[in-house]
Amino acid sequence: MKIVIEGQLHQASIEDGGQSMICEFDNTVEQATDGYFFVRLQSWNEDKKHPTLAAVAGHRVRVTVDILDEK
């Protein structure tokens, strides 16, 4: 199974006094047979620095989930 979500990321929101940075997709929630499936990107850093997530915030991205073990 493979799930691919593409879309525009919102600008990051900051929580927990700056230790958490969160980006969510804009209008990219995909309908699944059991409800909605969505992805959000989140960074946690006690020094309140998030260079990797800050670099992708606001850009169009693709997130792919690949199932690696077959059951």
C-alpha atoms as a PDB file:
ATOM      1  CA  MET A   1       0.000   0.000   0.000  1.00  0.00           C
ATOM      2  CA  LYS A   2       1.166   3.500  -0.789  1.00  0.00           C
ATOM      3  CA  ILE A   3      -0.435   6.800   0.236  1.00  0.00           C
ATOM      4  CA  VAL A   4       0.665  10.002  -1.491  1.00  0.00           C
ATOM      5  CA  ILE A   5      -0.462  13.467  -0.417  1.00  0.00           C
ATOM      6  CA  GLU A   6       0.610  16.558  -2.329  1.00  0.00           C
ATOM      7  CA  GLY A   7      -0.183  20.129  -1.521  1.00  0.00           C
ATOM      8  CA  GLN A   8       0.693  23.520  -0.184  1.00  0.00           C
ATOM      9  CA  LEU A   9       1.906  23.713   3.401  1.00  0.00           C
ATOM     10  CA  HIS A  10       0.597  26.498   5.579  1.00  0.00           C
ATOM     11  CA  GLN A  11       3.098  28.799   7.192  1.00  0.00           C
ATOM     12  CA  ALA A  12       4.228  27.185  10.426  1.00  0.00           C
ATOM     13  CA  SER A  13       2.482  27.771  13.712  1.00  0.00           C
ATOM     14  CA  ILE A  14       4.469  27.889  16.941  1.00  0.00           C
ATOM     15  CA  GLU A  15       3.319  26.242  20.172  1.00  0.00           C
ATOM     16  CA  ASP A  16       4.682  25.257  23.581  1.00  0.00           C
ATOM     17  CA  GLY A  17       6.653  28.453  24.044  1.00  0.00           C
ATOM     18  CA  GLY A  18       8.450  28.042  20.715  1.00  0.00           C
ATOM     19  CA  GLN A  19       9.581  24.451  21.252  1.00  0.00           C
ATOM     20  CA  SER A  20       7.020  23.058  18.796  1.00  0.00           C
ATOM     21  CA  MET A  21       6.580  24.115  15.153  1.00  0.00           C
ATOM     22  CA  ILE A  22       3.676  22.659  13.152  1.00  0.00           C
ATOM     23  CA  CYS A  23       2.815  22.805   9.423  1.00  0.00           C
ATOM     24  CA  GLU A  24      -0.450  21.495   8.000  1.00  0.00           C
ATOM     25  CA  PHE A  25      -1.471  20.989   4.390  1.00  0.00           C
ATOM     26  CA  ASP A  26      -3.910  23.392   2.754  1.00  0.00           C
ATOM     27  CA  ASN A  27      -6.972  21.558   1.397  1.00  0.00           C
ATOM     28  CA  THR A  28      -5.186  18.232   0.934  1.00  0.00           C
ATOM     29  CA  VAL A  29      -7.170  15.940   3.221  1.00  0.00           C
ATOM     30  CA  GLU A  30      -7.797  12.764   1.267  1.00  0.00           C
ATOM     31  CA  GLN A  31     -11.002  10.796   1.719  1.00  0.00           C
ATOM     32  CA  ALA A  32     -10.295   7.255   2.875  1.00  0.00           C
ATOM     33  CA  THR A  33     -12.829   4.439   3.196  1.00  0.00           C
ATOM     34  CA  ASP A  34     -12.752   4.794   6.983  1.00  0.00           C
ATOM     35  CA  GLY A  35     -12.812   8.599   7.179  1.00  0.00           C
ATOM     36  CA  TYR A  36     -10.218  11.264   6.580  1.00  0.00           C
ATOM     37  CA  PHE A  37      -6.474  10.690   6.375  1.00  0.00           C
ATOM     38  CA  PHE A  38      -4.158  13.657   6.712  1.00  0.00           C
ATOM     39  CA  VAL A  39      -0.546  14.520   7.432  1.00  0.00           C
ATOM     40  CA  ARG A  40       0.976  17.335   9.422  1.00  0.00           C
ATOM     41  CA  LEU A  41       4.666  18.029   9.822  1.00  0.00           C
ATOM     42  CA  GLN A  42       5.908  18.862  13.295  1.00  0.00           C
ATOM     43  CA  SER A  43       9.264  19.727  14.790  1.00  0.00           C
ATOM     44  CA  TRP A  44      10.211  19.730  18.486  1.00  0.00           C
ATOM     45  CA  ASN A  45      13.316  21.479  19.765  1.00  0.00           C
ATOM     46  CA  GLU A  46      13.918  22.706  23.313  1.00  0.00           C
ATOM     47  CA  ASP A  47      16.274  25.392  21.915  1.00  0.00           C
ATOM     48  CA  LYS A  48      13.306  26.725  19.875  1.00  0.00           C
ATOM     49  CA  LYS A  49      15.190  26.354  16.574  1.00  0.00           C
ATOM     50  CA  HIS A  50      13.468  24.578  13.676  1.00  0.00           C
ATOM     51  CA  PRO A  51      15.594  25.136  10.547  1.00  0.00           C
ATOM     52  CA  THR A  52      14.419  22.058   8.613  1.00  0.00           C
ATOM     53  CA  LEU A  53      10.699  22.622   9.071  1.00  0.00           C
ATOM     54  CA  ALA A  54      11.073  26.376   8.599  1.00  0.00           C
ATOM     55  CA  ALA A  55      12.718  25.655   5.224  1.00  0.00           C
ATOM     56  CA  VAL A  56       9.681  23.703   3.926  1.00  0.00           C
ATOM     57  CA  ALA A  57       6.913  25.835   5.491  1.00  0.00           C
ATOM     58  CA  GLY A  58       4.871  27.640   2.882  1.00  0.00           C
ATOM     59  CA  HIS A  59       6.089  25.429   0.009  1.00  0.00           C
ATOM     60  CA  ARG A  60       4.275  22.838  -2.086  1.00  0.00           C
ATOM     61  CA  VAL A  61       5.408  19.365  -0.995  1.00  0.00           C
ATOM     62  CA  ARG A  62       4.675  15.671  -1.479  1.00  0.00           C
ATOM     63  CA  VAL A  63       4.521  13.216   1.408  1.00  0.00           C
ATOM     64  CA  THR A  64       4.607   9.489   0.607  1.00  0.00           C
ATOM     65  CA  VAL A  65       3.797   6.712   3.070  1.00  0.00           C
ATOM     66  CA  ASP A  66       5.005   3.281   1.963  1.00  0.00           C
ATOM     67  CA  ILE A  67       4.036   0.138   3.873  1.00  0.00           C
ATOM     68  CA  LEU A  68       7.301  -1.796   4.259  1.00  0.00           C
ATOM     69  CA  ASP A  69       6.101  -4.988   5.900  1.00  0.00           C
ATOM     70  CA  GLU A  70       3.405  -7.107   4.297  1.00  0.00           C
ATOM     71  CA  LYS A  71       0.961  -8.794   6.654  1.00  0.00           C
END
